Amino acid sequence: MKILLAQSPTGRREAPIFPLGLACLAGQLRNHDIRGLDLSLYSEFADVLRIELESFKPDVVCISLRNIDDSTYPVTFSYMTPFKEIIDVLEQWKGSLIVGGTGFSIYPEIILDRYPRIDYGLPGEGEDRLPALLSHIELGSSIPEWGGGRLLPWRNVELDAVSSPDYTFLDISLYSTDDAIGIQSRRGCEFNCTYCTYSYLSGKVFRERPVAKVLEDIRTLEKLGVSRFQFVDSVFNAPEDYFEELLSAIEVSETKLSWSAWLDDSITPDQLARMRRAGAVKVDFSPDAISDRGLLRMGKRGKAADLLPAVKAARALGFHVGINFFNGNPGEGFGSLLRKLWFMFRVRLMLGHKETFVNIGTIRAYAHSPIASQMINEGLVDKDCDFFDPVFYKTGGPADWLYRLFQRVRTMRHA
């Protein structure tokens, strides 16, 4: 069969991100004629899709919807408008349409209800179910074990049983910006931060890929001429035994690739030094809160005092460092926002403003996250709120006014 694997458009100019989820699916479809299409790379994405449908003549189109919006406050950009435009293009096309991706997986029933053109919704991980679904489509057979509906049942895969991602299904040279190309070494997360959907999407425990397969991905990227990649894992240094095993393997592999990763601030200076020797050039921390009370309310582990030493240790080794906070999160208010702004100015002044970046965002509550349930229980939203349209956990008053001013100044500066 001819299968078109398409990344949903963003509808505006954004830094390109290689569609790793589609690459994972492409790796399972080597007995099909597949073609990749990243519609987020094009401004005239609807025309590009029409041309691809006419030239390739696929039997099946699979669309990955990575995000439904950009989660920014106070002005939120929706990715559902460009998504609807490509669904409109596909209304006149006669093949089978399958939609999945993380954005879809959080709201599958809503999206299937709003877009009846979608033949099948594939929530969660699809490496095993997509090939099976394609076989049913090709044979014209029913799928009684899946209930016969449009929405396939959720099932996580055994990571050691699936083939490696196919990084060649798209022209990878189009993704040359830092951190544009990802490698995934584990899925799931056991930390259960209140705003996060990782545990819902991939499970409440870490599920590790075989280290040999991760090294295979690194070697593949090296052969394709890639110079840098990012580990897209929720937390690269957890669980610690797997982190140590993978780091040791990268060290002895003598790869020349540079890479980056997201870290928990429990990382030690020795571990950071090993990462640096293994090719790491950038690390990101996501403490989110700046007080012990805030960390506790956010479901984070560790202490607020752990952050600055970890950042200093990383900068001393020459890492570029990113630190991410939220404003108005549970347990923190105006005073905490002032502390975050002071932390930003202090570390950028002390440790280098070009190498140390601090972001302060606002919590966009998504369905299936603990904070969504918390907001319903606290009466902050209606009991039937589905969180599809943007809902933010935020404080009002001076903290909100100052944050809006901060965002406006930052936007004007970077514009």
Protein backbone atom coordinates (compact mmCIF):
# COMPACT_ATOMS: atom_id res chain seq x y z
CA MET A 1 0.00 0.00 0.00
CA LYS A 2 0.98 3.61 -0.49
CA ILE A 3 1.09 5.40 2.88
CA LEU A 4 1.55 9.16 3.29
CA LEU A 5 2.86 10.06 6.76
CA ALA A 6 2.12 13.75 7.30
CA GLN A 7 2.93 16.10 10.15
CA SER A 8 0.08 18.54 10.79
CA PRO A 9 0.89 22.18 9.90
CA THR A 10 1.52 24.82 12.53
CA GLY A 11 0.02 27.63 10.45
CA ARG A 12 2.87 30.03 11.18
CA ARG A 13 6.64 30.19 10.93
CA GLU A 14 8.26 28.16 13.71
CA ALA A 15 11.61 26.47 14.21
CA PRO A 16 11.37 23.09 12.42
CA ILE A 17 11.17 19.98 14.59
CA PHE A 18 11.81 16.58 13.04
CA PRO A 19 8.61 14.46 13.40
CA LEU A 20 10.07 11.70 15.56
CA GLY A 21 6.68 10.10 16.21
CA LEU A 22 6.10 9.59 12.49
CA ALA A 23 9.67 8.29 12.11
CA CYS A 24 8.87 5.66 14.76
CA LEU A 25 5.83 4.60 12.74
CA ALA A 26 7.79 4.64 9.47
CA GLY A 27 10.25 2.19 11.00
CA GLN A 28 7.46 -0.37 11.31
CA LEU A 29 6.16 0.04 7.73
CA ARG A 30 9.12 -1.02 5.63
CA ASN A 31 6.96 -3.45 3.64
CA HIS A 32 4.81 -0.55 2.43
CA ASP A 33 5.51 2.27 -0.02
CA ILE A 34 5.74 5.22 2.37
CA ARG A 35 6.38 8.90 1.87
CA GLY A 36 6.85 11.60 4.49
CA LEU A 37 5.45 15.13 4.38
CA ASP A 38 6.06 17.74 7.08
CA LEU A 39 3.37 20.34 6.43
CA SER A 40 4.72 22.55 9.23
CA LEU A 41 7.58 23.52 6.90
CA TYR A 42 5.27 25.26 4.43
CA SER A 43 3.19 28.43 4.53
CA GLU A 44 0.96 27.21 1.67
CA PHE A 45 0.50 23.82 3.33
CA ALA A 46 -2.95 23.12 1.86
CA ASP A 47 -1.62 23.46 -1.69
CA VAL A 48 1.40 21.32 -0.82
CA LEU A 49 -0.91 18.58 0.44
CA ARG A 50 -3.05 18.74 -2.69
CA ILE A 51 0.02 18.37 -4.89
CA GLU A 52 1.26 15.41 -2.82
CA LEU A 53 -2.10 13.65 -3.02
CA GLU A 54 -2.12 14.07 -6.79
CA SER A 55 1.48 12.99 -7.39
CA PHE A 56 1.85 10.15 -4.87
CA LYS A 57 -1.76 8.91 -4.93
CA PRO A 58 -1.65 7.32 -1.47
CA ASP A 59 -4.10 4.69 -0.31
CA VAL A 60 -3.87 5.91 3.28
CA VAL A 61 -2.94 9.25 4.85
CA CYS A 62 -1.71 9.24 8.46
CA ILE A 63 -1.60 12.65 10.16
CA SER A 64 0.26 13.36 13.38
CA LEU A 65 -1.25 16.17 15.46
CA ARG A 66 1.55 17.00 17.90
CA ASN A 67 -0.11 19.90 19.77
CA ILE A 68 -3.54 21.53 19.75
CA ASP A 69 -2.17 24.95 20.79
CA ASP A 70 1.09 26.58 21.85
CA SER A 71 0.04 26.85 25.54
CA THR A 72 1.13 30.51 25.80
CA TYR A 73 -0.58 33.11 27.97
CA PRO A 74 -2.23 35.57 27.66
CA VAL A 75 -2.48 35.09 23.85
CA THR A 76 -2.72 31.45 22.81
CA PHE A 77 -2.15 30.31 19.22
CA SER A 78 -4.32 27.39 18.08
CA TYR A 79 -2.98 24.66 15.79
CA MET A 80 -6.51 23.39 15.18
CA THR A 81 -7.22 26.06 12.55
CA PRO A 82 -4.51 24.83 10.14
CA PHE A 83 -5.46 21.26 11.05
CA LYS A 84 -9.02 21.94 9.90
CA GLU A 85 -7.69 23.35 6.61
CA ILE A 86 -5.96 20.10 5.74
CA ILE A 87 -8.99 18.08 6.83
CA ASP A 88 -11.01 20.22 4.39
CA VAL A 89 -8.54 19.32 1.61
CA LEU A 90 -8.97 15.63 2.44
CA GLU A 91 -12.78 15.83 2.29
CA GLN A 92 -12.61 15.32 -1.49
CA TRP A 93 -9.97 12.59 -1.30
CA LYS A 94 -11.21 8.99 -1.38
CA GLY A 95 -8.63 7.06 0.68
CA SER A 96 -8.50 6.19 4.39
CA LEU A 97 -7.54 8.89 6.87
CA ILE A 98 -5.89 8.02 10.20
CA VAL A 99 -5.03 10.64 12.84
CA GLY A 100 -2.81 10.26 15.90
CA GLY A 101 -0.09 12.12 17.78
CA THR A 102 0.18 13.48 21.30
CA GLY A 103 -2.26 16.36 20.77
CA PHE A 104 -4.84 14.00 19.35
CA SER A 105 -4.23 11.44 22.10
CA ILE A 106 -5.25 13.85 24.86
CA TYR A 107 -8.56 14.70 23.14
CA PRO A 108 -9.41 11.81 20.78
CA GLU A 109 -13.18 11.77 21.30
CA ILE A 110 -13.52 15.54 20.85
CA ILE A 111 -11.43 15.59 17.67
CA LEU A 112 -13.20 12.60 16.13
CA ASP A 113 -16.56 14.20 16.91
CA ARG A 114 -15.56 17.54 15.34
CA TYR A 115 -13.99 15.99 12.24
CA PRO A 116 -16.15 13.13 10.91
CA ARG A 117 -13.85 12.85 7.87
CA ILE A 118 -11.33 11.01 10.04
CA ASP A 119 -11.78 7.29 9.47
CA TYR A 120 -9.66 6.05 12.40
CA GLY A 121 -8.18 7.66 15.49
CA LEU A 122 -4.98 6.11 16.83
CA PRO A 123 -4.33 7.33 20.39
CA GLY A 124 -1.11 6.69 22.27
CA GLU A 125 1.69 4.57 20.86
CA GLY A 126 0.92 3.09 17.45
CA GLU A 127 3.95 1.07 16.40
CA ASP A 128 2.08 -2.22 16.70
CA ARG A 129 -1.52 -1.18 15.97
CA LEU A 130 -0.88 0.88 12.84
CA PRO A 131 0.59 -2.04 10.82
CA ALA A 132 -2.33 -4.21 11.98
CA LEU A 133 -4.86 -1.53 11.03
CA LEU A 134 -3.28 -1.12 7.58
CA SER A 135 -3.58 -4.85 7.00
CA HIS A 136 -7.31 -4.69 7.80
CA ILE A 137 -7.73 -1.72 5.45
CA GLU A 138 -5.84 -3.49 2.67
CA LEU A 139 -7.91 -6.68 3.04
CA GLY A 140 -11.16 -4.80 3.56
CA SER A 141 -11.77 -6.81 6.71
CA SER A 142 -13.53 -5.72 9.88
CA ILE A 143 -11.78 -5.25 13.20
CA PRO A 144 -14.10 -6.90 15.74
CA GLU A 145 -11.42 -7.18 18.43
CA TRP A 146 -11.19 -3.37 18.43
CA GLY A 147 -14.92 -2.82 18.84
CA GLY A 148 -15.56 -1.81 15.25
CA GLY A 149 -15.52 1.93 16.01
CA ARG A 150 -13.40 4.78 14.68
CA LEU A 151 -11.32 5.07 17.85
CA LEU A 152 -8.79 2.30 18.32
CA PRO A 153 -8.15 1.09 21.88
CA TRP A 154 -5.17 2.44 23.77
CA ARG A 155 -2.16 0.18 24.19
CA ASN A 156 1.49 0.87 24.99
CA VAL A 157 4.11 -1.13 23.12
CA GLU A 158 7.00 -3.26 24.30
CA LEU A 159 9.91 -1.02 23.39
CA ASP A 160 12.36 -3.87 22.84
CA ALA A 161 9.99 -5.45 20.32
CA VAL A 162 9.61 -2.57 17.86
CA SER A 163 11.95 -1.56 15.06
CA SER A 164 14.07 1.58 15.30
CA PRO A 165 12.78 4.88 13.88
CA ASP A 166 13.29 5.50 10.17
CA TYR A 167 15.16 8.80 10.05
CA THR A 168 15.22 8.70 6.22
CA PHE A 169 11.48 8.97 5.57
CA LEU A 170 12.00 12.76 5.32
CA ASP A 171 14.93 14.87 4.16
CA ILE A 172 16.66 15.26 7.52
CA SER A 173 18.88 18.09 6.22
CA LEU A 174 15.83 20.38 6.52
CA TYR A 175 16.17 20.20 10.33
CA SER A 176 19.45 21.94 10.97
CA THR A 177 18.58 24.11 13.98
CA ASP A 178 19.72 23.14 17.47
CA ASP A 179 17.59 20.47 19.16
CA ALA A 180 15.46 19.95 16.04
CA ILE A 181 16.18 16.22 15.78
CA GLY A 182 15.28 13.94 18.66
CA ILE A 183 16.26 10.54 19.99
CA GLN A 184 14.03 8.81 22.53
CA SER A 185 15.66 6.45 25.00
CA ARG A 186 12.69 5.92 27.33
CA ARG A 187 8.98 6.59 27.61
CA GLY A 188 6.68 7.20 30.54
CA CYS A 189 7.48 9.03 33.74
CA GLU A 190 7.09 8.10 37.39
CA PHE A 191 7.31 11.65 38.80
CA ASN A 192 3.68 12.66 38.02
CA CYS A 193 4.14 16.44 38.05
CA THR A 194 0.69 17.96 38.41
CA TYR A 195 0.61 19.86 35.08
CA CYS A 196 2.11 17.05 32.99
CA THR A 197 0.47 14.49 30.68
CA TYR A 198 3.54 12.24 30.22
CA SER A 199 2.29 9.57 32.62
CA TYR A 200 -1.11 9.56 30.92
CA LEU A 201 0.37 9.28 27.44
CA SER A 202 3.15 6.77 28.09
CA GLY A 203 2.63 5.24 31.51
CA LYS A 204 3.39 5.97 35.15
CA VAL A 205 6.76 4.19 35.15
CA PHE A 206 9.89 4.66 33.05
CA ARG A 207 10.06 2.21 30.15
CA GLU A 208 13.55 2.02 28.72
CA ARG A 209 14.60 1.14 25.19
CA PRO A 210 17.54 -1.26 24.86
CA VAL A 211 20.74 0.79 25.02
CA ALA A 212 21.97 -0.92 21.83
CA LYS A 213 18.99 0.48 19.92
CA VAL A 214 19.64 3.99 21.23
CA LEU A 215 23.24 3.75 20.04
CA GLU A 216 21.96 2.51 16.70
CA ASP A 217 19.90 5.71 16.38
CA ILE A 218 22.98 7.82 17.18
CA ARG A 219 25.05 6.00 14.55
CA THR A 220 22.24 6.42 12.00
CA LEU A 221 22.12 10.17 12.55
CA GLU A 222 25.89 10.35 12.28
CA LYS A 223 25.81 8.55 8.92
CA LEU A 224 23.11 10.95 7.71
CA GLY A 225 25.37 13.91 8.40
CA VAL A 226 23.58 15.17 11.51
CA SER A 227 25.85 17.07 13.90
CA ARG A 228 23.51 17.51 16.87
CA PHE A 229 20.45 15.91 18.42
CA GLN A 230 18.33 16.13 21.56
CA PHE A 231 17.25 13.38 23.94
CA VAL A 232 13.51 14.01 24.12
CA ASP A 233 13.01 11.96 27.31
CA SER A 234 11.07 13.67 30.10
CA VAL A 235 14.04 13.31 32.47
CA PHE A 236 17.36 12.04 31.09
CA ASN A 237 19.00 11.22 34.43
CA ALA A 238 16.18 9.00 35.72
CA PRO A 239 16.06 6.17 36.46
CA GLU A 240 19.66 6.54 37.53
CA ASP A 241 20.85 3.01 36.75
CA TYR A 242 19.62 3.24 33.15
CA PHE A 243 21.07 6.75 32.83
CA GLU A 244 24.47 5.48 33.96
CA GLU A 245 24.33 2.50 31.59
CA LEU A 246 23.36 4.65 28.60
CA LEU A 247 25.92 7.32 29.43
CA SER A 248 28.69 4.73 29.66
CA ALA A 249 27.69 3.32 26.27
CA ILE A 250 27.75 6.77 24.65
CA GLU A 251 31.16 7.48 26.19
CA VAL A 252 32.77 4.36 24.70
CA SER A 253 30.98 4.78 21.35
CA GLU A 254 33.25 7.75 20.56
CA THR A 255 30.44 9.51 18.72
CA LYS A 256 31.28 12.95 17.38
CA LEU A 257 27.70 14.19 17.69
CA SER A 258 26.75 16.95 20.11
CA TRP A 259 23.55 16.56 22.08
CA SER A 260 21.27 18.04 24.72
CA ALA A 261 18.90 16.66 27.36
CA TRP A 262 16.36 17.56 30.05
CA LEU A 263 17.59 16.92 33.58
CA ASP A 264 16.33 16.68 37.11
CA ASP A 265 18.40 18.94 39.38
CA SER A 266 19.52 15.89 41.39
CA ILE A 267 22.26 15.49 38.76
CA THR A 268 25.75 15.48 40.31
CA PRO A 269 28.80 17.42 39.08
CA ASP A 270 30.53 14.13 38.25
CA GLN A 271 27.59 13.01 36.14
CA LEU A 272 27.53 16.35 34.36
CA ALA A 273 31.23 16.02 33.63
CA ARG A 274 30.66 12.58 32.13
CA MET A 275 27.85 13.94 29.98
CA ARG A 276 30.16 16.70 28.74
CA ARG A 277 32.83 14.19 27.79
CA ALA A 278 30.19 12.14 25.97
CA GLY A 279 29.25 15.08 23.75
CA ALA A 280 26.50 16.91 25.66
CA VAL A 281 26.55 20.67 25.09
CA LYS A 282 23.22 21.87 26.51
CA VAL A 283 21.03 20.88 29.45
CA ASP A 284 17.59 22.06 30.51
CA PHE A 285 16.15 22.06 34.01
CA SER A 286 12.44 22.32 34.72
CA PRO A 287 12.02 23.14 38.42
CA ASP A 288 8.79 25.05 37.61
CA ALA A 289 8.57 26.34 41.20
CA ILE A 290 11.11 28.30 43.24
CA SER A 291 9.98 27.45 46.79
CA ASP A 292 9.80 24.14 48.64
CA ARG A 293 6.06 24.67 49.11
CA GLY A 294 5.63 25.29 45.40
CA LEU A 295 7.64 22.20 44.51
CA LEU A 296 5.52 20.07 46.84
CA ARG A 297 2.25 21.42 45.41
CA MET A 298 3.53 20.74 41.87
CA GLY A 299 4.37 17.12 42.65
CA LYS A 300 8.09 17.79 42.16
CA ARG A 301 10.83 16.03 44.06
CA GLY A 302 13.90 17.71 45.52
CA LYS A 303 14.41 21.03 47.26
CA ALA A 304 14.47 24.57 45.93
CA ALA A 305 18.05 24.93 47.19
CA ASP A 306 19.18 22.18 44.77
CA LEU A 307 18.65 24.26 41.63
CA LEU A 308 21.34 26.95 41.75
CA PRO A 309 24.22 24.54 42.54
CA ALA A 310 23.16 22.32 39.62
CA VAL A 311 23.02 25.30 37.26
CA LYS A 312 26.40 26.57 38.44
CA ALA A 313 27.96 23.12 38.02
CA ALA A 314 26.62 22.85 34.48
CA ARG A 315 27.84 26.30 33.49
CA ALA A 316 31.28 25.64 35.03
CA LEU A 317 31.61 22.72 32.61
CA GLY A 318 30.71 24.90 29.63
CA PHE A 319 27.10 23.78 29.14
CA HIS A 320 24.45 26.07 27.71
CA VAL A 321 21.73 25.94 30.37
CA GLY A 322 17.98 26.47 30.22
CA ILE A 323 15.80 26.86 33.32
CA ASN A 324 12.00 26.77 33.15
CA PHE A 325 9.57 28.19 35.69
CA PHE A 326 5.82 28.75 35.84
CA ASN A 327 4.09 31.85 37.14
CA GLY A 328 1.08 31.59 39.41
CA ASN A 329 1.45 27.88 40.09
CA PRO A 330 -0.11 26.33 43.22
CA GLY A 331 1.57 27.45 46.43
CA GLU A 332 3.30 30.49 44.89
CA GLY A 333 2.19 34.05 44.25
CA PHE A 334 3.54 37.55 43.66
CA GLY A 335 6.56 37.14 45.94
CA SER A 336 7.56 33.96 44.13
CA LEU A 337 7.33 35.71 40.74
CA LEU A 338 9.71 38.39 42.03
CA ARG A 339 12.10 35.65 43.19
CA LYS A 340 11.97 34.00 39.74
CA LEU A 341 12.70 37.30 38.00
CA TRP A 342 15.57 37.94 40.41
CA PHE A 343 16.88 34.41 39.81
CA MET A 344 16.76 35.09 36.06
CA PHE A 345 18.71 38.33 36.27
CA ARG A 346 21.20 36.93 38.76
CA VAL A 347 22.15 33.74 36.91
CA ARG A 348 22.32 35.45 33.54
CA LEU A 349 24.55 38.17 34.99
CA MET A 350 26.71 35.74 36.97
CA LEU A 351 26.89 32.87 34.52
CA GLY A 352 26.60 34.52 31.11
CA HIS A 353 23.44 35.86 29.52
CA LYS A 354 24.08 34.20 26.15
CA GLU A 355 24.62 30.77 27.69
CA THR A 356 22.00 30.85 30.46
CA PHE A 357 18.35 31.16 29.50
CA VAL A 358 15.43 31.37 31.92
CA ASN A 359 11.85 30.98 30.74
CA ILE A 360 8.80 31.84 32.84
CA GLY A 361 5.56 30.44 31.47
CA THR A 362 2.03 29.86 32.72
CA ILE A 363 0.44 26.46 33.32
CA ARG A 364 -1.89 25.48 30.49
CA ALA A 365 -4.12 22.80 32.04
CA TYR A 366 -4.73 19.81 29.77
CA ALA A 367 -7.24 17.02 30.22
CA HIS A 368 -5.92 13.95 32.09
CA SER A 369 -3.37 16.01 34.04
CA PRO A 370 -3.60 16.05 37.84
CA ILE A 371 -3.97 19.83 37.86
CA ALA A 372 -7.06 19.62 35.65
CA SER A 373 -8.75 17.42 38.24
CA GLN A 374 -7.53 19.75 40.97
CA MET A 375 -9.08 22.79 39.24
CA ILE A 376 -12.42 20.99 38.95
CA ASN A 377 -12.34 19.92 42.61
CA GLU A 378 -11.47 23.45 43.74
CA GLY A 379 -14.30 24.95 41.71
CA LEU A 380 -11.93 26.94 39.51
CA VAL A 381 -13.65 25.60 36.38
CA ASP A 382 -17.01 23.99 35.65
CA LYS A 383 -17.35 20.30 36.49
CA ASP A 384 -17.89 19.49 32.81
CA CYS A 385 -14.84 21.47 31.60
CA ASP A 386 -13.00 19.44 28.93
CA PHE A 387 -9.91 21.72 28.83
CA PHE A 388 -9.85 21.59 25.01
CA ASP A 389 -10.08 25.37 24.75
CA PRO A 390 -7.17 27.00 26.63
CA VAL A 391 -7.53 26.99 30.42
CA PHE A 392 -4.68 28.37 32.55
CA TYR A 393 -3.88 27.93 36.22
CA LYS A 394 -2.90 31.44 37.20
CA THR A 395 -3.18 34.03 39.91
CA GLY A 396 -4.78 37.39 39.40
CA GLY A 397 -3.80 40.77 40.77
CA PRO A 398 -0.23 42.14 40.83
CA ALA A 399 1.44 38.84 39.87
CA ASP A 400 -0.66 38.60 36.70
CA TRP A 401 -0.14 42.28 35.83
CA LEU A 402 3.62 42.03 36.29
CA TYR A 403 3.77 38.82 34.29
CA ARG A 404 1.84 40.33 31.39
CA LEU A 405 4.22 43.30 31.39
CA PHE A 406 7.22 40.97 31.48
CA GLN A 407 5.87 38.97 28.53
CA ARG A 408 5.20 42.13 26.52
CA VAL A 409 8.71 43.46 27.13
CA ARG A 410 10.28 40.10 26.21
CA THR A 411 8.18 39.87 23.04
CA MET A 412 9.14 43.40 21.96
CA ARG A 413 12.80 42.72 22.67
CA HIS A 414 12.94 39.51 20.66
CA ALA A 415 10.80 40.90 17.84
